[in-house]
Amino acid sequence: MDLLYDLVNLGCLIQVNSTSITGYCGKKVMKTAMELVSANMASIVASDCHSNRYRSPGLSRAYGIISKHFGVKKAELLFKTNPSRIIEDREVLLDGELRLKRKKYLHIFGLQL
């Protein structure tokens, strides 16, 4: 998460897949996806859809989960506003400041402890 935090601060965009939010990829992935959204590090939610038979988009369900946990404003930003802004080659918006508790590491002789 610290590396992603640094990348977002440099201007990189983070996509969270709808299947990660809905739990299709497992509880650990779902928890991480929700942490990214909560920390305002996610720029967009996308489908990562490969077919309509084996890996359906699940965007409506993911939209409902984000709306319930973070509000309609954030859901609109991640599912509609920012994807449109990317297509239009415009700056992507964040919903407030990045919120992440950075881990503190002890460095001794070049080793991270």
PDB file of N, CA and C in Angstrom:
ATOM      1  N   MET A   1       0.818  -1.198   0.000  1.00  0.00           N
ATOM      2  CA  MET A   1       0.000   0.000   0.000  1.00  0.00           C
ATOM      3  C   MET A   1       0.866   1.269   0.000  1.00  0.00           C
ATOM      4  N   ASP A   2       2.000   1.206   0.672  1.00  0.00           N
ATOM      5  CA  ASP A   2       2.882   2.372   0.703  1.00  0.00           C
ATOM      6  C   ASP A   2       3.372   2.730  -0.697  1.00  0.00           C
ATOM      7  N   LEU A   3       3.721   1.712  -1.485  1.00  0.00           N
ATOM      8  CA  LEU A   3       4.181   1.953  -2.846  1.00  0.00           C
ATOM      9  C   LEU A   3       3.064   2.585  -3.678  1.00  0.00           C
ATOM     10  N   LEU A   4       1.845   2.069  -3.548  1.00  0.00           N
ATOM     11  CA  LEU A   4       0.721   2.657  -4.278  1.00  0.00           C
ATOM     12  C   LEU A   4       0.484   4.101  -3.853  1.00  0.00           C
ATOM     13  N   TYR A   5       0.603   4.367  -2.558  1.00  0.00           N
ATOM     14  CA  TYR A   5       0.455   5.731  -2.043  1.00  0.00           C
ATOM     15  C   TYR A   5       1.441   6.664  -2.743  1.00  0.00           C
ATOM     16  N   ASP A   6       2.690   6.219  -2.815  1.00  0.00           N
ATOM     17  CA  ASP A   6       3.720   7.028  -3.478  1.00  0.00           C
ATOM     18  C   ASP A   6       3.400   7.234  -4.953  1.00  0.00           C
ATOM     19  N   LEU A   7       2.938   6.186  -5.621  1.00  0.00           N
ATOM     20  CA  LEU A   7       2.613   6.292  -7.045  1.00  0.00           C
ATOM     21  C   LEU A   7       1.444   7.248  -7.288  1.00  0.00           C
ATOM     22  N   VAL A   8       0.429   7.195  -6.439  1.00  0.00           N
ATOM     23  CA  VAL A   8      -0.705   8.112  -6.569  1.00  0.00           C
ATOM     24  C   VAL A   8      -0.238   9.546  -6.351  1.00  0.00           C
ATOM     25  N   ASN A   9       0.641   9.750  -5.385  1.00  0.00           N
ATOM     26  CA  ASN A   9       1.190  11.091  -5.151  1.00  0.00           C
ATOM     27  C   ASN A   9       1.976  11.603  -6.343  1.00  0.00           C
ATOM     28  N   LEU A  10       2.525  10.700  -7.146  1.00  0.00           N
ATOM     29  CA  LEU A  10       3.249  11.080  -8.358  1.00  0.00           C
ATOM     30  C   LEU A  10       2.314  11.310  -9.546  1.00  0.00           C
ATOM     31  N   GLY A  11       1.018  11.014  -9.357  1.00  0.00           N
ATOM     32  CA  GLY A  11       0.049  11.245 -10.423  1.00  0.00           C
ATOM     33  C   GLY A  11      -0.452  10.000 -11.121  1.00  0.00           C
ATOM     34  N   CYS A  12      -0.026   8.827 -10.666  1.00  0.00           N
ATOM     35  CA  CYS A  12      -0.511   7.578 -11.273  1.00  0.00           C
ATOM     36  C   CYS A  12      -1.964   7.339 -10.894  1.00  0.00           C
ATOM     37  N   LEU A  13      -2.687   6.702 -11.792  1.00  0.00           N
ATOM     38  CA  LEU A  13      -4.086   6.361 -11.549  1.00  0.00           C
ATOM     39  C   LEU A  13      -4.186   4.905 -11.115  1.00  0.00           C
ATOM     40  N   ILE A  14      -5.073   4.641 -10.186  1.00  0.00           N
ATOM     41  CA  ILE A  14      -5.290   3.284  -9.689  1.00  0.00           C
ATOM     42  C   ILE A  14      -6.692   2.847 -10.098  1.00  0.00           C
ATOM     43  N   GLN A  15      -6.764   1.727 -10.807  1.00  0.00           N
ATOM     44  CA  GLN A  15      -8.047   1.127 -11.187  1.00  0.00           C
ATOM     45  C   GLN A  15      -8.348  -0.017 -10.233  1.00  0.00           C
ATOM     46  N   VAL A  16      -9.556  -0.041  -9.716  1.00  0.00           N
ATOM     47  CA  VAL A  16     -10.030  -1.157  -8.908  1.00  0.00           C
ATOM     48  C   VAL A  16     -11.075  -1.868  -9.751  1.00  0.00           C
ATOM     49  N   ASN A  17     -10.965  -3.179  -9.838  1.00  0.00           N
ATOM     50  CA  ASN A  17     -11.918  -3.938 -10.640  1.00  0.00           C
ATOM     51  C   ASN A  17     -13.192  -4.223  -9.853  1.00  0.00           C
ATOM     52  N   SER A  18     -14.302  -4.214 -10.554  1.00  0.00           N
ATOM     53  CA  SER A  18     -15.595  -4.449  -9.915  1.00  0.00           C
ATOM     54  C   SER A  18     -15.632  -5.812  -9.238  1.00  0.00           C
ATOM     55  N   THR A  19     -14.981  -6.812  -9.836  1.00  0.00           N
ATOM     56  CA  THR A  19     -14.976  -8.147  -9.242  1.00  0.00           C
ATOM     57  C   THR A  19     -14.213  -8.177  -7.917  1.00  0.00           C
ATOM     58  N   SER A  20     -13.270  -7.279  -7.752  1.00  0.00           N
ATOM     59  CA  SER A  20     -12.560  -7.181  -6.473  1.00  0.00           C
ATOM     60  C   SER A  20     -13.486  -6.625  -5.402  1.00  0.00           C
ATOM     61  N   ILE A  21     -14.295  -5.656  -5.765  1.00  0.00           N
ATOM     62  CA  ILE A  21     -15.226  -5.034  -4.822  1.00  0.00           C
ATOM     63  C   ILE A  21     -16.342  -5.988  -4.415  1.00  0.00           C
ATOM     64  N   THR A  22     -16.813  -6.794  -5.349  1.00  0.00           N
ATOM     65  CA  THR A  22     -17.943  -7.689  -5.073  1.00  0.00           C
ATOM     66  C   THR A  22     -17.526  -8.967  -4.353  1.00  0.00           C
ATOM     67  N   GLY A  23     -16.220  -9.193  -4.228  1.00  0.00           N
ATOM     68  CA  GLY A  23     -15.748 -10.382  -3.533  1.00  0.00           C
ATOM     69  C   GLY A  23     -15.509 -11.579  -4.433  1.00  0.00           C
ATOM     70  N   TYR A  24     -15.666 -11.406  -5.724  1.00  0.00           N
ATOM     71  CA  TYR A  24     -15.457 -12.493  -6.673  1.00  0.00           C
ATOM     72  C   TYR A  24     -14.031 -13.035  -6.593  1.00  0.00           C
ATOM     73  N   CYS A  25     -13.097 -12.198  -6.277  1.00  0.00           N
ATOM     74  CA  CYS A  25     -11.676 -12.582  -6.226  1.00  0.00           C
ATOM     75  C   CYS A  25     -11.230 -12.972  -4.820  1.00  0.00           C
ATOM     76  N   GLY A  26     -12.157 -13.045  -3.896  1.00  0.00           N
ATOM     77  CA  GLY A  26     -11.839 -13.444  -2.528  1.00  0.00           C
ATOM     78  C   GLY A  26     -11.936 -12.292  -1.540  1.00  0.00           C
ATOM     79  N   LYS A  27     -12.017 -12.649  -0.276  1.00  0.00           N
ATOM     80  CA  LYS A  27     -12.210 -11.658   0.785  1.00  0.00           C
ATOM     81  C   LYS A  27     -11.002 -10.744   0.971  1.00  0.00           C
ATOM     82  N   LYS A  28      -9.791 -11.286   0.834  1.00  0.00           N
ATOM     83  CA  LYS A  28      -8.594 -10.474   1.017  1.00  0.00           C
ATOM     84  C   LYS A  28      -8.500  -9.408  -0.072  1.00  0.00           C
ATOM     85  N   VAL A  29      -8.783  -9.794  -1.302  1.00  0.00           N
ATOM     86  CA  VAL A  29      -8.765  -8.842  -2.413  1.00  0.00           C
ATOM     87  C   VAL A  29      -9.865  -7.801  -2.227  1.00  0.00           C
ATOM     88  N   MET A  30     -11.038  -8.246  -1.781  1.00  0.00           N
ATOM     89  CA  MET A  30     -12.151  -7.320  -1.534  1.00  0.00           C
ATOM     90  C   MET A  30     -11.775  -6.298  -0.463  1.00  0.00           C
ATOM     91  N   LYS A  31     -11.150  -6.768   0.604  1.00  0.00           N
ATOM     92  CA  LYS A  31     -10.738  -5.867   1.687  1.00  0.00           C
ATOM     93  C   LYS A  31      -9.732  -4.832   1.164  1.00  0.00           C
ATOM     94  N   THR A  32      -8.772  -5.275   0.373  1.00  0.00           N
ATOM     95  CA  THR A  32      -7.772  -4.363  -0.188  1.00  0.00           C
ATOM     96  C   THR A  32      -8.418  -3.336  -1.110  1.00  0.00           C
ATOM     97  N   ALA A  33      -9.343  -3.790  -1.957  1.00  0.00           N
ATOM     98  CA  ALA A  33     -10.044  -2.879  -2.874  1.00  0.00           C
ATOM     99  C   ALA A  33     -10.807  -1.817  -2.094  1.00  0.00           C
ATOM    100  N   MET A  34     -11.485  -2.223  -1.045  1.00  0.00           N
ATOM    101  CA  MET A  34     -12.249  -1.276  -0.231  1.00  0.00           C
ATOM    102  C   MET A  34     -11.315  -0.314   0.508  1.00  0.00           C
ATOM    103  N   GLU A  35     -10.143  -0.787   0.910  1.00  0.00           N
ATOM    104  CA  GLU A  35      -9.163   0.096   1.553  1.00  0.00           C
ATOM    105  C   GLU A  35      -8.665   1.154   0.572  1.00  0.00           C
ATOM    106  N   LEU A  36      -8.451   0.748  -0.685  1.00  0.00           N
ATOM    107  CA  LEU A  36      -8.019   1.707  -1.707  1.00  0.00           C
ATOM    108  C   LEU A  36      -9.071   2.779  -1.926  1.00  0.00           C
ATOM    109  N   VAL A  37     -10.334   2.375  -1.959  1.00  0.00           N
ATOM    110  CA  VAL A  37     -11.426   3.339  -2.136  1.00  0.00           C
ATOM    111  C   VAL A  37     -11.519   4.235  -0.903  1.00  0.00           C
ATOM    112  N   SER A  38     -11.448   3.650   0.266  1.00  0.00           N
ATOM    113  CA  SER A  38     -11.554   4.409   1.509  1.00  0.00           C
ATOM    114  C   SER A  38     -10.428   5.429   1.653  1.00  0.00           C
ATOM    115  N   ALA A  39      -9.236   5.065   1.197  1.00  0.00           N
ATOM    116  CA  ALA A  39      -8.069   5.953   1.314  1.00  0.00           C
ATOM    117  C   ALA A  39      -8.013   6.981   0.186  1.00  0.00           C
ATOM    118  N   ASN A  40      -9.033   7.028  -0.658  1.00  0.00           N
ATOM    119  CA  ASN A  40      -9.088   7.934  -1.815  1.00  0.00           C
ATOM    120  C   ASN A  40      -7.945   7.693  -2.802  1.00  0.00           C
ATOM    121  N   MET A  41      -7.455   6.465  -2.858  1.00  0.00           N
ATOM    122  CA  MET A  41      -6.376   6.133  -3.774  1.00  0.00           C
ATOM    123  C   MET A  41      -6.906   5.579  -5.098  1.00  0.00           C
ATOM    124  N   ALA A  42      -8.104   5.055  -5.108  1.00  0.00           N
ATOM    125  CA  ALA A  42      -8.694   4.524  -6.342  1.00  0.00           C
ATOM    126  C   ALA A  42      -9.184   5.671  -7.205  1.00  0.00           C
ATOM    127  N   SER A  43      -8.832   5.631  -8.479  1.00  0.00           N
ATOM    128  CA  SER A  43      -9.257   6.669  -9.423  1.00  0.00           C
ATOM    129  C   SER A  43     -10.535   6.275 -10.145  1.00  0.00           C
ATOM    130  N   ILE A  44     -10.633   4.990 -10.481  1.00  0.00           N
ATOM    131  CA  ILE A  44     -11.800   4.490 -11.209  1.00  0.00           C
ATOM    132  C   ILE A  44     -12.101   3.063 -10.781  1.00  0.00           C
ATOM    133  N   VAL A  45     -13.350   2.665 -11.028  1.00  0.00           N
ATOM    134  CA  VAL A  45     -13.735   1.257 -10.917  1.00  0.00           C
ATOM    135  C   VAL A  45     -14.102   0.820 -12.328  1.00  0.00           C
ATOM    136  N   ALA A  46     -13.518  -0.283 -12.753  1.00  0.00           N
ATOM    137  CA  ALA A  46     -13.759  -0.793 -14.093  1.00  0.00           C
ATOM    138  C   ALA A  46     -14.163  -2.264 -14.012  1.00  0.00           C
ATOM    139  N   SER A  47     -14.628  -2.793 -15.135  1.00  0.00           N
ATOM    140  CA  SER A  47     -15.179  -4.146 -15.131  1.00  0.00           C
ATOM    141  C   SER A  47     -14.126  -5.241 -15.205  1.00  0.00           C
ATOM    142  N   ASP A  48     -13.050  -5.047 -15.931  1.00  0.00           N
ATOM    143  CA  ASP A  48     -12.081  -6.095 -16.227  1.00  0.00           C
ATOM    144  C   ASP A  48     -12.786  -7.295 -16.851  1.00  0.00           C
ATOM    145  N   CYS A  49     -13.838  -7.023 -17.604  1.00  0.00           N
ATOM    146  CA  CYS A  49     -14.676  -8.058 -18.206  1.00  0.00           C
ATOM    147  C   CYS A  49     -13.943  -8.725 -19.372  1.00  0.00           C
ATOM    148  N   HIS A  50     -13.936 -10.043 -19.339  1.00  0.00           N
ATOM    149  CA  HIS A  50     -13.308 -10.809 -20.409  1.00  0.00           C
ATOM    150  C   HIS A  50     -14.346 -11.506 -21.284  1.00  0.00           C
ATOM    151  N   SER A  51     -15.508 -11.770 -20.727  1.00  0.00           N
ATOM    152  CA  SER A  51     -16.620 -12.340 -21.485  1.00  0.00           C
ATOM    153  C   SER A  51     -17.885 -12.204 -20.653  1.00  0.00           C
ATOM    154  N   ASN A  52     -19.019 -12.433 -21.273  1.00  0.00           N
ATOM    155  CA  ASN A  52     -20.276 -12.347 -20.522  1.00  0.00           C
ATOM    156  C   ASN A  52     -20.644 -13.688 -19.897  1.00  0.00           C
ATOM    157  N   ARG A  53     -19.818 -14.702 -20.109  1.00  0.00           N
ATOM    158  CA  ARG A  53     -20.119 -16.025 -19.564  1.00  0.00           C
ATOM    159  C   ARG A  53     -19.291 -16.365 -18.332  1.00  0.00           C
ATOM    160  N   TYR A  54     -17.993 -16.042 -18.363  1.00  0.00           N
ATOM    161  CA  TYR A  54     -17.117 -16.512 -17.305  1.00  0.00           C
ATOM    162  C   TYR A  54     -16.651 -15.423 -16.350  1.00  0.00           C
ATOM    163  N   ARG A  55     -16.694 -14.215 -16.792  1.00  0.00           N
ATOM    164  CA  ARG A  55     -16.219 -13.123 -15.933  1.00  0.00           C
ATOM    165  C   ARG A  55     -17.045 -11.885 -16.258  1.00  0.00           C
ATOM    166  N   SER A  56     -18.279 -11.938 -15.846  1.00  0.00           N
ATOM    167  CA  SER A  56     -19.181 -10.841 -16.168  1.00  0.00           C
ATOM    168  C   SER A  56     -18.780  -9.578 -15.418  1.00  0.00           C
ATOM    169  N   PRO A  57     -19.180  -8.420 -15.930  1.00  0.00           N
ATOM    170  CA  PRO A  57     -18.720  -7.142 -15.360  1.00  0.00           C
ATOM    171  C   PRO A  57     -19.091  -6.914 -13.905  1.00  0.00           C
ATOM    172  N   GLY A  58     -20.315  -7.130 -13.516  1.00  0.00           N
ATOM    173  CA  GLY A  58     -20.717  -6.892 -12.134  1.00  0.00           C
ATOM    174  C   GLY A  58     -20.641  -5.442 -11.704  1.00  0.00           C
ATOM    175  N   LEU A  59     -20.716  -4.519 -12.660  1.00  0.00           N
ATOM    176  CA  LEU A  59     -20.580  -3.096 -12.327  1.00  0.00           C
ATOM    177  C   LEU A  59     -21.736  -2.597 -11.464  1.00  0.00           C
ATOM    178  N   SER A  60     -22.953  -3.040 -11.756  1.00  0.00           N
ATOM    179  CA  SER A  60     -24.105  -2.574 -10.973  1.00  0.00           C
ATOM    180  C   SER A  60     -23.986  -2.991  -9.519  1.00  0.00           C
ATOM    181  N   ARG A  61     -23.573  -4.219  -9.300  1.00  0.00           N
ATOM    182  CA  ARG A  61     -23.424  -4.705  -7.930  1.00  0.00           C
ATOM    183  C   ARG A  61     -22.308  -3.950  -7.213  1.00  0.00           C
ATOM    184  N   ALA A  62     -21.185  -3.754  -7.895  1.00  0.00           N
ATOM    185  CA  ALA A  62     -20.071  -3.012  -7.296  1.00  0.00           C
ATOM    186  C   ALA A  62     -20.472  -1.569  -7.007  1.00  0.00           C
ATOM    187  N   TYR A  63     -21.214  -0.954  -7.930  1.00  0.00           N
ATOM    188  CA  TYR A  63     -21.711   0.416  -7.731  1.00  0.00           C
ATOM    189  C   TYR A  63     -22.564   0.474  -6.457  1.00  0.00           C
ATOM    190  N   GLY A  64     -23.420  -0.504  -6.269  1.00  0.00           N
ATOM    191  CA  GLY A  64     -24.266  -0.555  -5.076  1.00  0.00           C
ATOM    192  C   GLY A  64     -23.460  -0.671  -3.792  1.00  0.00           C
ATOM    193  N   ILE A  65     -22.418  -1.478  -3.830  1.00  0.00           N
ATOM    194  CA  ILE A  65     -21.565  -1.653  -2.646  1.00  0.00           C
ATOM    195  C   ILE A  65     -20.835  -0.355  -2.319  1.00  0.00           C
ATOM    196  N   ILE A  66     -20.266   0.291  -3.334  1.00  0.00           N
ATOM    197  CA  ILE A  66     -19.551   1.557  -3.100  1.00  0.00           C
ATOM    198  C   ILE A  66     -20.517   2.632  -2.618  1.00  0.00           C
ATOM    199  N   SER A  67     -21.698   2.709  -3.219  1.00  0.00           N
ATOM    200  CA  SER A  67     -22.712   3.692  -2.792  1.00  0.00           C
ATOM    201  C   SER A  67     -23.092   3.486  -1.334  1.00  0.00           C
ATOM    202  N   LYS A  68     -23.285   2.239  -0.962  1.00  0.00           N
ATOM    203  CA  LYS A  68     -23.705   1.917   0.406  1.00  0.00           C
ATOM    204  C   LYS A  68     -22.623   2.289   1.420  1.00  0.00           C
ATOM    205  N   HIS A  69     -21.372   1.975   1.098  1.00  0.00           N
ATOM    206  CA  HIS A  69     -20.286   2.190   2.054  1.00  0.00           C
ATOM    207  C   HIS A  69     -19.713   3.606   2.040  1.00  0.00           C
ATOM    208  N   PHE A  70     -19.725   4.249   0.867  1.00  0.00           N
ATOM    209  CA  PHE A  70     -19.041   5.539   0.737  1.00  0.00           C
ATOM    210  C   PHE A  70     -19.921   6.658   0.201  1.00  0.00           C
ATOM    211  N   GLY A  71     -21.144   6.341  -0.190  1.00  0.00           N
ATOM    212  CA  GLY A  71     -22.057   7.357  -0.692  1.00  0.00           C
ATOM    213  C   GLY A  71     -22.114   7.412  -2.214  1.00  0.00           C
ATOM    214  N   VAL A  72     -23.201   7.955  -2.709  1.00  0.00           N
ATOM    215  CA  VAL A  72     -23.453   8.046  -4.149  1.00  0.00           C
ATOM    216  C   VAL A  72     -22.440   8.964  -4.820  1.00  0.00           C
ATOM    217  N   LYS A  73     -22.031  10.032  -4.143  1.00  0.00           N
ATOM    218  CA  LYS A  73     -21.077  10.969  -4.729  1.00  0.00           C
ATOM    219  C   LYS A  73     -19.773  10.260  -5.122  1.00  0.00           C
ATOM    220  N   LYS A  74     -19.249   9.447  -4.218  1.00  0.00           N
ATOM    221  CA  LYS A  74     -18.009   8.717  -4.512  1.00  0.00           C
ATOM    222  C   LYS A  74     -18.252   7.680  -5.604  1.00  0.00           C
ATOM    223  N   ALA A  75     -19.381   6.999  -5.570  1.00  0.00           N
ATOM    224  CA  ALA A  75     -19.691   6.007  -6.603  1.00  0.00           C
ATOM    225  C   ALA A  75     -19.759   6.667  -7.981  1.00  0.00           C
ATOM    226  N   GLU A  76     -20.405   7.808  -8.066  1.00  0.00           N
ATOM    227  CA  GLU A  76     -20.498   8.533  -9.339  1.00  0.00           C
ATOM    228  C   GLU A  76     -19.108   8.942  -9.833  1.00  0.00           C
ATOM    229  N   LEU A  77     -18.270   9.367  -8.917  1.00  0.00           N
ATOM    230  CA  LEU A  77     -16.912   9.781  -9.275  1.00  0.00           C
ATOM    231  C   LEU A  77     -16.116   8.614  -9.855  1.00  0.00           C
ATOM    232  N   LEU A  78     -16.186   7.459  -9.203  1.00  0.00           N
ATOM    233  CA  LEU A  78     -15.384   6.308  -9.606  1.00  0.00           C
ATOM    234  C   LEU A  78     -15.932   5.565 -10.827  1.00  0.00           C
ATOM    235  N   PHE A  79     -17.240   5.545 -10.980  1.00  0.00           N
ATOM    236  CA  PHE A  79     -17.859   4.761 -12.052  1.00  0.00           C
ATOM    237  C   PHE A  79     -18.203   5.587 -13.289  1.00  0.00           C
ATOM    238  N   LYS A  80     -18.426   6.887 -13.120  1.00  0.00           N
ATOM    239  CA  LYS A  80     -18.889   7.693 -14.253  1.00  0.00           C
ATOM    240  C   LYS A  80     -17.998   8.901 -14.544  1.00  0.00           C
ATOM    241  N   THR A  81     -17.802   9.749 -13.542  1.00  0.00           N
ATOM    242  CA  THR A  81     -17.083  11.009 -13.761  1.00  0.00           C
ATOM    243  C   THR A  81     -15.646  10.776 -14.220  1.00  0.00           C
ATOM    244  N   ASN A  82     -14.878  10.036 -13.443  1.00  0.00           N
ATOM    245  CA  ASN A  82     -13.467   9.847 -13.788  1.00  0.00           C
ATOM    246  C   ASN A  82     -13.259   9.031 -15.061  1.00  0.00           C
ATOM    247  N   PRO A  83     -14.028   7.965 -15.298  1.00  0.00           N
ATOM    248  CA  PRO A  83     -13.864   7.284 -16.588  1.00  0.00           C
ATOM    249  C   PRO A  83     -14.125   8.224 -17.776  1.00  0.00           C
ATOM    250  N   SER A  84     -15.129   9.085 -17.661  1.00  0.00           N
ATOM    251  CA  SER A  84     -15.405  10.058 -18.725  1.00  0.00           C
ATOM    252  C   SER A  84     -14.260  11.040 -18.879  1.00  0.00           C
ATOM    253  N   ARG A  85     -13.709  11.471 -17.765  1.00  0.00           N
ATOM    254  CA  ARG A  85     -12.596  12.429 -17.811  1.00  0.00           C
ATOM    255  C   ARG A  85     -11.358  11.800 -18.452  1.00  0.00           C
ATOM    256  N   ILE A  86     -11.131  10.521 -18.225  1.00  0.00           N
ATOM    257  CA  ILE A  86     -10.002   9.838 -18.859  1.00  0.00           C
ATOM    258  C   ILE A  86     -10.201   9.792 -20.372  1.00  0.00           C
ATOM    259  N   ILE A  87     -11.395   9.443 -20.807  1.00  0.00           N
ATOM    260  CA  ILE A  87     -11.699   9.394 -22.244  1.00  0.00           C
ATOM    261  C   ILE A  87     -11.516  10.762 -22.885  1.00  0.00           C
ATOM    262  N   GLU A  88     -11.888  11.806 -22.145  1.00  0.00           N
ATOM    263  CA  GLU A  88     -11.786  13.187 -22.653  1.00  0.00           C
ATOM    264  C   GLU A  88     -10.379  13.773 -22.456  1.00  0.00           C
ATOM    265  N   ASP A  89      -9.447  12.985 -21.943  1.00  0.00           N
ATOM    266  CA  ASP A  89      -8.078  13.418 -21.681  1.00  0.00           C
ATOM    267  C   ASP A  89      -8.049  14.621 -20.736  1.00  0.00           C
ATOM    268  N   ARG A  90      -8.870  14.534 -19.680  1.00  0.00           N
ATOM    269  CA  ARG A  90      -8.921  15.580 -18.663  1.00  0.00           C
ATOM    270  C   ARG A  90      -8.387  15.015 -17.346  1.00  0.00           C
ATOM    271  N   GLU A  91      -8.044  15.914 -16.442  1.00  0.00           N
ATOM    272  CA  GLU A  91      -7.520  15.512 -15.144  1.00  0.00           C
ATOM    273  C   GLU A  91      -8.576  14.728 -14.363  1.00  0.00           C
ATOM    274  N   VAL A  92      -8.128  13.648 -13.740  1.00  0.00           N
ATOM    275  CA  VAL A  92      -8.998  12.819 -12.912  1.00  0.00           C
ATOM    276  C   VAL A  92      -9.112  13.457 -11.537  1.00  0.00           C
ATOM    277  N   LEU A  93     -10.290  13.375 -10.949  1.00  0.00           N
ATOM    278  CA  LEU A  93     -10.557  13.986  -9.649  1.00  0.00           C
ATOM    279  C   LEU A  93     -10.435  12.963  -8.527  1.00  0.00           C
ATOM    280  N   LEU A  94      -9.917  13.396  -7.398  1.00  0.00           N
ATOM    281  CA  LEU A  94      -9.907  12.577  -6.196  1.00  0.00           C
ATOM    282  C   LEU A  94     -10.980  13.101  -5.256  1.00  0.00           C
ATOM    283  N   ASP A  95     -11.507  12.227  -4.448  1.00  0.00           N
ATOM    284  CA  ASP A  95     -12.537  12.604  -3.488  1.00  0.00           C
ATOM    285  C   ASP A  95     -11.867  12.955  -2.161  1.00  0.00           C
ATOM    286  N   GLY A  96     -11.180  14.083  -2.129  1.00  0.00           N
ATOM    287  CA  GLY A  96     -10.513  14.502  -0.903  1.00  0.00           C
ATOM    288  C   GLY A  96      -9.058  14.096  -0.891  1.00  0.00           C
ATOM    289  N   GLU A  97      -8.440  14.274   0.246  1.00  0.00           N
ATOM    290  CA  GLU A  97      -7.019  13.975   0.422  1.00  0.00           C
ATOM    291  C   GLU A  97      -6.802  12.467   0.520  1.00  0.00           C
ATOM    292  N   LEU A  98      -5.608  12.040   0.151  1.00  0.00           N
ATOM    293  CA  LEU A  98      -5.246  10.645   0.324  1.00  0.00           C
ATOM    294  C   LEU A  98      -5.195  10.348   1.812  1.00  0.00           C
ATOM    295  N   ARG A  99      -5.785   9.245   2.178  1.00  0.00           N
ATOM    296  CA  ARG A  99      -5.805   8.859   3.591  1.00  0.00           C
ATOM    297  C   ARG A  99      -5.230   7.452   3.710  1.00  0.00           C
ATOM    298  N   LEU A 100      -4.035   7.378   4.214  1.00  0.00           N
ATOM    299  CA  LEU A 100      -3.397   6.085   4.400  1.00  0.00           C
ATOM    300  C   LEU A 100      -2.439   6.205   5.562  1.00  0.00           C
ATOM    301  N   LYS A 101      -2.545   5.284   6.479  1.00  0.00           N
ATOM    302  CA  LYS A 101      -1.583   5.254   7.574  1.00  0.00           C
ATOM    303  C   LYS A 101      -0.354   4.545   7.053  1.00  0.00           C
ATOM    304  N   ARG A 102       0.703   5.295   6.889  1.00  0.00           N
ATOM    305  CA  ARG A 102       1.939   4.736   6.363  1.00  0.00           C
ATOM    306  C   ARG A 102       2.637   3.955   7.465  1.00  0.00           C
ATOM    307  N   LYS A 103       3.183   2.843   7.066  1.00  0.00           N
ATOM    308  CA  LYS A 103       3.935   2.023   8.009  1.00  0.00           C
ATOM    309  C   LYS A 103       5.267   2.687   8.295  1.00  0.00           C
ATOM    310  N   LYS A 104       5.685   2.604   9.502  1.00  0.00           N
ATOM    311  CA  LYS A 104       6.982   3.124   9.896  1.00  0.00           C
ATOM    312  C   LYS A 104       7.958   1.947   9.890  1.00  0.00           C
ATOM    313  N   TYR A 105       9.055   2.124   9.227  1.00  0.00           N
ATOM    314  CA  TYR A 105      10.057   1.070   9.144  1.00  0.00           C
ATOM    315  C   TYR A 105      11.358   1.544   9.780  1.00  0.00           C
ATOM    316  N   LEU A 106      12.075   0.618  10.317  1.00  0.00           N
ATOM    317  CA  LEU A 106      13.397   0.877  10.877  1.00  0.00           C
ATOM    318  C   LEU A 106      14.419   0.383   9.852  1.00  0.00           C
ATOM    319  N   HIS A 107      15.291   1.253   9.432  1.00  0.00           N
ATOM    320  CA  HIS A 107      16.327   0.886   8.470  1.00  0.00           C
ATOM    321  C   HIS A 107      17.671   0.782   9.189  1.00  0.00           C
ATOM    322  N   ILE A 108      18.258  -0.396   9.129  1.00  0.00           N
ATOM    323  CA  ILE A 108      19.572  -0.622   9.721  1.00  0.00           C
ATOM    324  C   ILE A 108      20.454  -1.288   8.672  1.00  0.00           C
ATOM    325  N   PHE A 109      21.543  -0.664   8.363  1.00  0.00           N
ATOM    326  CA  PHE A 109      22.494  -1.174   7.384  1.00  0.00           C
ATOM    327  C   PHE A 109      21.814  -1.526   6.056  1.00  0.00           C
ATOM    328  N   GLY A 110      20.873  -0.698   5.639  1.00  0.00           N
ATOM    329  CA  GLY A 110      20.209  -0.907   4.370  1.00  0.00           C
ATOM    330  C   GLY A 110      19.093  -1.952   4.401  1.00  0.00           C
ATOM    331  N   LEU A 111      18.843  -2.536   5.561  1.00  0.00           N
ATOM    332  CA  LEU A 111      17.779  -3.533   5.679  1.00  0.00           C
ATOM    333  C   LEU A 111      16.539  -2.887   6.269  1.00  0.00           C
ATOM    334  N   GLN A 112      15.399  -3.253   5.727  1.00  0.00           N
ATOM    335  CA  GLN A 112      14.132  -2.718   6.233  1.00  0.00           C
ATOM    336  C   GLN A 112      13.576  -3.700   7.254  1.00  0.00           C
ATOM    337  N   LEU A 113      13.398  -3.242   8.488  1.00  0.00           N
ATOM    338  CA  LEU A 113      12.901  -4.103   9.565  1.00  0.00           C
ATOM    339  C   LEU A 113      11.522  -3.710   9.995  1.00  0.00           C
TER     340      LEU A 113
END
